């Protein structure tokens, strides 16, 4: 839900946003112009990554 709220708040001029369910990636990611990874550490021990993939 966090990603959906962020993505829809960034939408400009009715741009189509493709929101997909969580995915596990192994290896390289191809086909996107830019990939931004936001590492988040929870309670000092657990780490999750929010991945924003931009396709132009």
N, C-alpha and C. Protein backbone atom coordinates (compact mmCIF):
# COMPACT_ATOMS: atom_id res chain seq x y z
N UNK A 1 0.82 -1.20 0.00
CA UNK A 1 0.00 0.00 0.00
C UNK A 1 0.86 1.26 0.00
N UNK A 2 2.01 1.20 0.64
CA UNK A 2 2.90 2.35 0.66
C UNK A 2 3.33 2.73 -0.75
N UNK A 3 3.73 1.74 -1.54
CA UNK A 3 4.18 2.01 -2.91
C UNK A 3 3.05 2.58 -3.76
N UNK A 4 1.85 2.06 -3.59
CA UNK A 4 0.70 2.55 -4.37
C UNK A 4 0.41 4.00 -4.02
N UNK A 5 0.44 4.33 -2.74
CA UNK A 5 0.18 5.72 -2.33
C UNK A 5 1.24 6.66 -2.88
N UNK A 6 2.50 6.25 -2.83
CA UNK A 6 3.57 7.10 -3.36
C UNK A 6 3.43 7.27 -4.87
N UNK A 7 3.22 6.15 -5.57
CA UNK A 7 3.14 6.19 -7.04
C UNK A 7 1.96 7.04 -7.51
N UNK A 8 0.81 6.89 -6.88
CA UNK A 8 -0.36 7.65 -7.32
C UNK A 8 -0.23 9.12 -6.97
N UNK A 9 0.51 9.44 -5.90
CA UNK A 9 0.70 10.85 -5.57
C UNK A 9 1.70 11.51 -6.52
N UNK A 10 2.56 10.72 -7.17
CA UNK A 10 3.53 11.25 -8.12
C UNK A 10 3.00 11.30 -9.55
N UNK A 11 1.83 10.74 -9.78
CA UNK A 11 1.26 10.71 -11.13
C UNK A 11 0.93 12.12 -11.60
N UNK A 12 1.37 12.44 -12.82
CA UNK A 12 1.16 13.78 -13.37
C UNK A 12 0.43 13.65 -14.70
N UNK A 13 -0.58 14.48 -14.91
CA UNK A 13 -1.32 14.54 -16.17
C UNK A 13 -1.87 13.19 -16.59
N UNK A 14 -2.45 12.45 -15.66
CA UNK A 14 -3.09 11.16 -15.94
C UNK A 14 -2.14 10.15 -16.59
N UNK A 15 -0.86 10.19 -16.24
CA UNK A 15 0.11 9.22 -16.73
C UNK A 15 -0.26 7.84 -16.23
N UNK A 16 -0.15 6.84 -17.08
CA UNK A 16 -0.52 5.48 -16.68
C UNK A 16 0.55 4.90 -15.78
N UNK A 17 0.16 4.42 -14.60
CA UNK A 17 1.08 3.79 -13.66
C UNK A 17 0.77 2.30 -13.65
N UNK A 18 1.82 1.48 -13.74
CA UNK A 18 1.66 0.03 -13.70
C UNK A 18 2.11 -0.46 -12.34
N UNK A 19 1.16 -0.71 -11.44
CA UNK A 19 1.47 -1.18 -10.09
C UNK A 19 1.35 -2.70 -10.11
N UNK A 20 2.42 -3.38 -9.70
CA UNK A 20 2.42 -4.84 -9.72
C UNK A 20 2.60 -5.37 -8.30
N UNK A 21 2.19 -6.62 -8.07
CA UNK A 21 2.39 -7.21 -6.75
C UNK A 21 3.88 -7.44 -6.48
N UNK A 22 4.26 -7.70 -5.23
CA UNK A 22 5.67 -7.93 -4.91
C UNK A 22 6.28 -9.05 -5.76
N UNK A 23 7.54 -8.86 -6.13
CA UNK A 23 8.25 -9.80 -6.99
C UNK A 23 9.62 -10.08 -6.40
N UNK A 24 10.10 -11.32 -6.56
CA UNK A 24 11.45 -11.66 -6.14
C UNK A 24 12.36 -11.61 -7.36
N UNK A 25 13.43 -10.82 -7.29
CA UNK A 25 14.38 -10.70 -8.39
C UNK A 25 15.66 -11.44 -8.03
N UNK A 26 16.18 -12.19 -9.01
CA UNK A 26 17.47 -12.85 -8.85
C UNK A 26 18.30 -12.50 -10.07
N UNK A 27 19.47 -11.90 -9.86
CA UNK A 27 20.32 -11.54 -10.99
C UNK A 27 20.04 -10.15 -11.51
N UNK A 28 20.25 -9.95 -12.81
CA UNK A 28 20.13 -8.65 -13.45
C UNK A 28 18.68 -8.29 -13.77
N UNK A 29 18.41 -6.99 -13.79
CA UNK A 29 17.10 -6.48 -14.18
C UNK A 29 17.29 -5.72 -15.48
N UNK A 30 16.57 -6.11 -16.55
CA UNK A 30 16.72 -5.48 -17.87
C UNK A 30 15.41 -4.84 -18.31
N UNK A 31 15.51 -3.89 -19.24
CA UNK A 31 14.33 -3.31 -19.87
C UNK A 31 13.82 -2.03 -19.23
N UNK A 32 14.53 -1.49 -18.27
CA UNK A 32 14.11 -0.26 -17.62
C UNK A 32 15.19 0.79 -17.80
N UNK A 33 14.78 2.06 -17.93
CA UNK A 33 15.76 3.13 -18.12
C UNK A 33 16.45 3.49 -16.81
N UNK A 34 15.77 3.27 -15.69
CA UNK A 34 16.38 3.60 -14.40
C UNK A 34 15.77 2.73 -13.32
N UNK A 35 16.60 2.26 -12.40
CA UNK A 35 16.15 1.50 -11.24
C UNK A 35 16.70 2.18 -10.01
N UNK A 36 15.80 2.52 -9.08
CA UNK A 36 16.20 3.16 -7.83
C UNK A 36 15.85 2.20 -6.69
N UNK A 37 16.83 1.90 -5.84
CA UNK A 37 16.62 0.97 -4.73
C UNK A 37 16.74 1.75 -3.42
N UNK A 38 15.69 1.65 -2.60
CA UNK A 38 15.67 2.30 -1.29
C UNK A 38 15.80 1.23 -0.21
N UNK A 39 16.99 1.02 0.38
CA UNK A 39 17.10 0.05 1.46
C UNK A 39 16.54 0.64 2.75
N UNK A 40 15.75 -0.13 3.47
CA UNK A 40 15.15 0.31 4.72
C UNK A 40 15.51 -0.71 5.80
N UNK A 41 16.08 -0.23 6.91
CA UNK A 41 16.45 -1.11 8.02
C UNK A 41 15.40 -0.97 9.11
N UNK A 42 14.83 -2.09 9.53
CA UNK A 42 13.79 -2.11 10.55
C UNK A 42 14.36 -2.69 11.84
N UNK A 43 14.16 -2.02 12.94
CA UNK A 43 14.60 -2.47 14.26
C UNK A 43 16.10 -2.75 14.31
N UNK A 44 16.88 -2.18 13.42
CA UNK A 44 18.31 -2.35 13.43
C UNK A 44 18.82 -3.69 12.94
N UNK A 45 17.93 -4.63 12.64
CA UNK A 45 18.37 -5.97 12.23
C UNK A 45 17.77 -6.45 10.91
N UNK A 46 16.58 -6.05 10.61
CA UNK A 46 15.90 -6.51 9.40
C UNK A 46 16.02 -5.46 8.30
N UNK A 47 16.25 -5.91 7.08
CA UNK A 47 16.40 -5.00 5.96
C UNK A 47 15.43 -5.38 4.85
N UNK A 48 14.72 -4.38 4.32
CA UNK A 48 13.87 -4.57 3.14
C UNK A 48 14.31 -3.56 2.09
N UNK A 49 13.97 -3.83 0.84
CA UNK A 49 14.31 -2.91 -0.24
C UNK A 49 13.03 -2.51 -0.97
N UNK A 50 12.85 -1.22 -1.15
CA UNK A 50 11.79 -0.69 -1.99
C UNK A 50 12.45 -0.41 -3.33
N UNK A 51 11.96 -1.02 -4.42
CA UNK A 51 12.56 -0.87 -5.73
C UNK A 51 11.61 -0.12 -6.64
N UNK A 52 12.08 1.00 -7.19
CA UNK A 52 11.30 1.79 -8.14
C UNK A 52 11.95 1.63 -9.50
N UNK A 53 11.23 1.00 -10.45
CA UNK A 53 11.76 0.78 -11.78
C UNK A 53 11.04 1.71 -12.75
N UNK A 54 11.81 2.50 -13.50
CA UNK A 54 11.25 3.50 -14.40
C UNK A 54 11.47 3.04 -15.83
N UNK A 55 10.38 3.01 -16.60
CA UNK A 55 10.42 2.61 -18.00
C UNK A 55 9.95 3.78 -18.83
N UNK A 56 10.78 4.29 -19.71
CA UNK A 56 10.42 5.45 -20.53
C UNK A 56 10.27 5.03 -21.97
